[in-house]
Amino acid sequence: MSRNPYAADVTDADDAVVRFDDVSMRYGRAPETLRDLTFSLPQGSFHFVTGPSGAGKTSLLKLIYLAAQPSKGLLHLFGQNVAQAPADIRPFLRRRIGVVFQEFRLLDHMSAFDNAAIPLRIAGAKPDAYRQDVAELLSWVGLKDRMHVLPPTLAGGEKQRLAIARAVVGRPDILLADEPTGNVDHAMGLRILRLFLELNRLGTTVLIATHDQDLVARSGKPILHLEDGRLVHMGPVPQGFDG
């Protein structure tokens, strides 16, 4: 029997910041959303998560940022077995992870500037120490003239860019993004990609779930491709691959 050309390859886990060992996940009593995932993400790597709607891309990200738990298998973050991690350790693990959510999760009573600065405030930084950095980042994502307005006054694409700024402002060890270019035009999508690539160059491990095959192709980065909750390929984009 010939080998499945999309069969998942397992990377060396010695320097892994994320490691899945035979991990499955389900919501309540529903059938498993993710099945038997085994892979690792080395520190400083950059991958896209691809697959059709319902394949489990968002669920995979939820496991990594600790919004869900495996129903089977072992998940390690930064060398820590998540199942054995004390409750008081989990907030510190989460602070090392930046997340761009599809639904943005902005705080409507706070300005765009204050939303972007939330991770720095949580980490204990003082406004005088981060004011210039936050302003420069908001300018870079095209919100220079909108940083003092409230999120309800922002358009969908502006909210997306603000959510990205908030996720990357603290230079997290891992950046997770769920369809980060879904509400922006092509030019801004490429600008956002350059931001992610620059963060990766500085050492951040990046994992982006996307349907945007043009974004994947332009990046030249490898993929984790899911089908029906299973990891069927990990590595460079196969020739003729259509996502």
Protein backbone atom coordinates (compact mmCIF):
# COMPACT_ATOMS: atom_id res chain seq x y z
CA MET A 1 0.00 0.00 0.00
CA SER A 2 1.50 3.37 -0.99
CA ARG A 3 2.15 6.06 1.61
CA ASN A 4 -0.43 8.83 1.86
CA PRO A 5 1.35 11.88 0.36
CA TYR A 6 -0.36 14.06 2.99
CA ALA A 7 0.62 11.83 5.94
CA ALA A 8 1.75 13.91 8.91
CA ASP A 9 5.45 13.99 9.76
CA VAL A 10 6.37 14.37 13.43
CA THR A 11 9.10 16.91 14.15
CA ASP A 12 11.87 16.49 16.71
CA ALA A 13 10.33 17.49 20.05
CA ASP A 14 13.60 18.37 21.87
CA ASP A 15 13.16 22.12 21.30
CA ALA A 16 9.39 22.11 21.05
CA VAL A 17 7.34 24.90 22.61
CA VAL A 18 4.16 22.97 21.71
CA ARG A 19 3.90 19.19 21.64
CA PHE A 20 0.83 17.05 20.99
CA ASP A 21 1.06 13.33 21.75
CA ASP A 22 -1.95 11.38 20.43
CA VAL A 23 -4.30 14.24 21.38
CA SER A 24 -8.04 14.11 20.74
CA MET A 25 -10.72 16.63 21.72
CA ARG A 26 -14.50 16.69 21.88
CA TYR A 27 -17.15 19.15 23.02
CA GLY A 28 -19.34 17.48 25.65
CA ARG A 29 -20.77 14.23 24.33
CA ALA A 30 -20.36 15.19 20.67
CA PRO A 31 -18.11 13.18 18.36
CA GLU A 32 -14.43 14.03 18.51
CA THR A 33 -13.58 17.32 16.81
CA LEU A 34 -9.86 16.48 16.77
CA ARG A 35 -8.50 12.95 16.53
CA ASP A 36 -5.14 11.46 17.45
CA LEU A 37 -2.95 14.49 16.75
CA THR A 38 0.78 14.00 17.19
CA PHE A 39 3.17 16.80 16.24
CA SER A 40 5.49 19.39 17.73
CA LEU A 41 6.28 23.03 16.99
CA PRO A 42 9.93 23.98 17.51
CA GLN A 43 10.75 27.29 19.11
CA GLY A 44 10.83 30.03 16.48
CA SER A 45 8.87 28.06 13.87
CA PHE A 46 6.12 29.47 11.63
CA HIS A 47 3.21 27.33 10.40
CA PHE A 48 -0.23 27.81 8.92
CA VAL A 49 -3.16 25.59 9.92
CA THR A 50 -5.23 24.82 6.83
CA GLY A 51 -8.25 22.71 6.05
CA PRO A 52 -11.92 23.03 5.13
CA SER A 53 -14.53 24.56 7.44
CA GLY A 54 -15.21 22.19 10.32
CA ALA A 55 -11.83 20.47 10.04
CA GLY A 56 -10.85 21.57 13.57
CA LYS A 57 -8.55 24.56 12.98
CA THR A 58 -10.08 26.78 15.68
CA SER A 59 -10.30 23.87 18.12
CA LEU A 60 -6.59 23.20 17.66
CA LEU A 61 -5.79 26.81 18.60
CA LYS A 62 -8.11 26.60 21.63
CA LEU A 63 -6.15 23.67 22.99
CA ILE A 64 -2.90 25.59 22.71
CA TYR A 65 -4.15 28.73 24.48
CA LEU A 66 -5.79 26.60 27.16
CA ALA A 67 -9.40 27.47 26.37
CA ALA A 68 -10.16 23.75 25.99
CA GLN A 69 -8.72 20.49 27.26
CA PRO A 70 -7.84 17.27 25.43
CA SER A 71 -10.21 14.36 25.88
CA LYS A 72 -7.25 12.05 25.27
CA GLY A 73 -3.48 12.28 24.95
CA LEU A 74 -0.84 14.65 26.29
CA LEU A 75 -0.32 18.34 25.51
CA HIS A 76 2.91 20.07 26.50
CA LEU A 77 3.47 23.84 26.43
CA PHE A 78 6.96 25.21 27.04
CA GLY A 79 7.91 21.75 28.31
CA GLN A 80 5.04 21.71 30.83
CA ASN A 81 2.51 18.85 30.79
CA VAL A 82 -0.68 20.92 30.76
CA ALA A 83 -2.76 18.23 32.48
CA GLN A 84 -0.38 18.28 35.45
CA ALA A 85 0.14 22.04 35.58
CA PRO A 86 -1.08 23.59 38.87
CA ALA A 87 -3.94 26.05 38.48
CA ASP A 88 -1.73 28.98 39.50
CA ILE A 89 0.73 28.19 36.67
CA ARG A 90 -1.83 28.41 33.87
CA PRO A 91 -2.14 32.24 33.89
CA PHE A 92 1.63 32.51 33.43
CA LEU A 93 1.51 30.07 30.52
CA ARG A 94 -1.28 32.09 28.91
CA ARG A 95 0.68 35.33 29.24
CA ARG A 96 3.36 33.85 27.00
CA ILE A 97 0.76 33.35 24.25
CA GLY A 98 -0.71 36.10 22.06
CA VAL A 99 -4.05 35.31 20.44
CA VAL A 100 -5.93 36.97 17.58
CA PHE A 101 -9.54 35.81 17.87
CA GLN A 102 -12.03 35.74 15.00
CA GLU A 103 -14.54 37.60 17.17
CA PHE A 104 -11.93 40.21 18.26
CA ARG A 105 -12.90 40.25 22.00
CA LEU A 106 -12.21 43.95 22.40
CA LEU A 107 -13.33 45.88 25.49
CA ASP A 108 -15.88 48.42 24.25
CA HIS A 109 -15.47 50.83 27.18
CA MET A 110 -11.73 51.26 26.57
CA SER A 111 -10.04 53.21 23.79
CA ALA A 112 -8.22 51.48 20.96
CA PHE A 113 -4.94 52.51 22.60
CA ASP A 114 -5.92 51.03 25.97
CA ASN A 115 -7.16 47.81 24.33
CA ALA A 116 -3.82 47.38 22.59
CA ALA A 117 -1.94 48.01 25.83
CA ILE A 118 -3.83 45.40 27.91
CA PRO A 119 -1.12 42.69 27.78
CA LEU A 120 1.51 45.20 28.91
CA ARG A 121 -0.67 46.45 31.76
CA ILE A 122 -1.32 42.87 32.90
CA ALA A 123 2.43 42.29 32.89
CA GLY A 124 2.84 45.27 35.22
CA ALA A 125 4.30 47.83 32.81
CA LYS A 126 3.67 51.52 33.49
CA PRO A 127 2.04 53.76 30.83
CA ASP A 128 5.14 55.94 30.48
CA ALA A 129 7.16 52.84 29.59
CA TYR A 130 4.88 51.60 26.81
CA ARG A 131 3.08 54.68 25.47
CA GLN A 132 5.40 55.23 22.50
CA ASP A 133 5.63 51.54 21.57
CA VAL A 134 1.84 51.11 21.55
CA ALA A 135 1.36 54.28 19.51
CA GLU A 136 3.95 53.16 16.95
CA LEU A 137 2.35 49.72 16.62
CA LEU A 138 -1.14 51.20 16.13
CA SER A 139 0.29 53.52 13.51
CA TRP A 140 1.90 50.56 11.76
CA VAL A 141 -1.44 48.71 11.50
CA GLY A 142 -3.14 51.82 10.14
CA LEU A 143 -4.86 53.07 13.29
CA LYS A 144 -2.76 56.17 13.97
CA ASP A 145 -5.79 58.46 13.75
CA ARG A 146 -8.13 56.04 15.56
CA MET A 147 -6.17 55.12 18.68
CA HIS A 148 -8.29 57.24 21.04
CA VAL A 149 -11.73 56.10 19.84
CA LEU A 150 -13.84 53.31 21.32
CA PRO A 151 -14.13 49.94 19.51
CA PRO A 152 -17.86 50.31 18.67
CA THR A 153 -16.93 53.20 16.36
CA LEU A 154 -14.40 51.10 14.43
CA ALA A 155 -15.16 49.25 11.20
CA GLY A 156 -14.69 45.47 11.07
CA GLY A 157 -11.27 45.67 9.45
CA GLU A 158 -10.14 48.25 11.98
CA LYS A 159 -11.24 46.00 14.84
CA GLN A 160 -9.29 43.15 13.29
CA ARG A 161 -6.14 45.28 13.10
CA LEU A 162 -6.61 46.41 16.70
CA ALA A 163 -6.98 42.79 17.83
CA ILE A 164 -3.74 41.95 16.05
CA ALA A 165 -1.93 44.88 17.66
CA ARG A 166 -3.09 43.75 21.10
CA ALA A 167 -1.92 40.18 20.44
CA VAL A 168 1.59 41.14 19.34
CA VAL A 169 2.35 44.20 21.51
CA GLY A 170 4.03 42.16 24.23
CA ARG A 171 6.13 40.11 21.79
CA PRO A 172 4.68 36.79 22.98
CA ASP A 173 6.62 33.53 22.84
CA ILE A 174 3.79 32.04 20.76
CA LEU A 175 1.40 33.94 18.49
CA LEU A 176 -1.85 32.22 17.51
CA ALA A 177 -4.13 33.83 14.93
CA ASP A 178 -7.54 32.62 13.74
CA GLU A 179 -8.26 33.99 10.23
CA PRO A 180 -6.33 37.23 10.93
CA THR A 181 -6.81 38.59 7.40
CA GLY A 182 -10.48 37.70 7.08
CA ASN A 183 -11.75 41.29 7.48
CA VAL A 184 -9.03 43.30 5.76
CA ASP A 185 -8.21 44.04 2.13
CA HIS A 186 -5.40 42.36 0.20
CA ALA A 187 -2.83 45.12 0.79
CA MET A 188 -3.44 45.18 4.54
CA GLY A 189 -3.37 41.38 4.60
CA LEU A 190 0.16 41.44 3.18
CA ARG A 191 1.15 44.13 5.67
CA ILE A 192 -0.13 41.96 8.52
CA LEU A 193 1.78 39.00 7.13
CA ARG A 194 4.97 41.07 7.16
CA LEU A 195 4.34 41.92 10.82
CA PHE A 196 3.95 38.24 11.69
CA LEU A 197 7.09 37.36 9.72
CA GLU A 198 9.06 40.07 11.55
CA LEU A 199 7.87 38.80 14.94
CA ASN A 200 8.90 35.32 13.88
CA ARG A 201 12.33 36.62 12.84
CA LEU A 202 12.70 37.99 16.38
CA GLY A 203 11.98 34.55 17.83
CA THR A 204 8.20 34.29 18.25
CA THR A 205 6.66 30.94 17.29
CA VAL A 206 3.73 31.68 14.94
CA LEU A 207 0.70 29.51 14.14
CA ILE A 208 -2.02 30.95 11.89
CA ALA A 209 -5.31 29.26 11.00
CA THR A 210 -6.48 30.48 7.61
CA HIS A 211 -8.47 29.80 4.45
CA ASP A 212 -6.36 32.38 2.60
CA GLN A 213 -4.29 30.25 0.25
CA ASP A 214 -2.68 33.31 -1.34
CA LEU A 215 -1.36 34.31 2.09
CA VAL A 216 0.06 30.82 2.58
CA ALA A 217 1.66 30.79 -0.85
CA ARG A 218 3.25 34.24 -0.45
CA SER A 219 4.71 33.35 2.95
CA GLY A 220 6.55 30.23 1.77
CA LYS A 221 5.93 28.74 5.22
CA PRO A 222 4.89 25.13 5.98
CA ILE A 223 1.41 23.99 6.88
CA LEU A 224 -0.47 21.71 9.23
CA HIS A 225 -3.37 20.48 7.14
CA LEU A 226 -6.46 19.08 8.89
CA GLU A 227 -9.15 16.88 7.38
CA ASP A 228 -12.09 15.74 9.54
CA GLY A 229 -10.19 16.49 12.71
CA ARG A 230 -7.05 14.60 11.70
CA LEU A 231 -3.63 15.97 10.86
CA VAL A 232 -2.96 14.62 7.38
CA HIS A 233 0.06 16.71 6.40
CA MET A 234 2.71 18.73 8.16
CA GLY A 235 5.46 20.38 6.18
CA PRO A 236 5.95 22.34 2.96
CA VAL A 237 2.85 22.93 0.83
CA PRO A 238 2.55 19.90 -1.49
CA GLN A 239 2.56 20.50 -5.24
CA GLY A 240 -1.00 20.89 -6.49
CA PHE A 241 -2.34 21.50 -2.97
CA ASP A 242 -5.53 23.61 -3.02
CA GLY A 243 -6.26 23.86 0.71
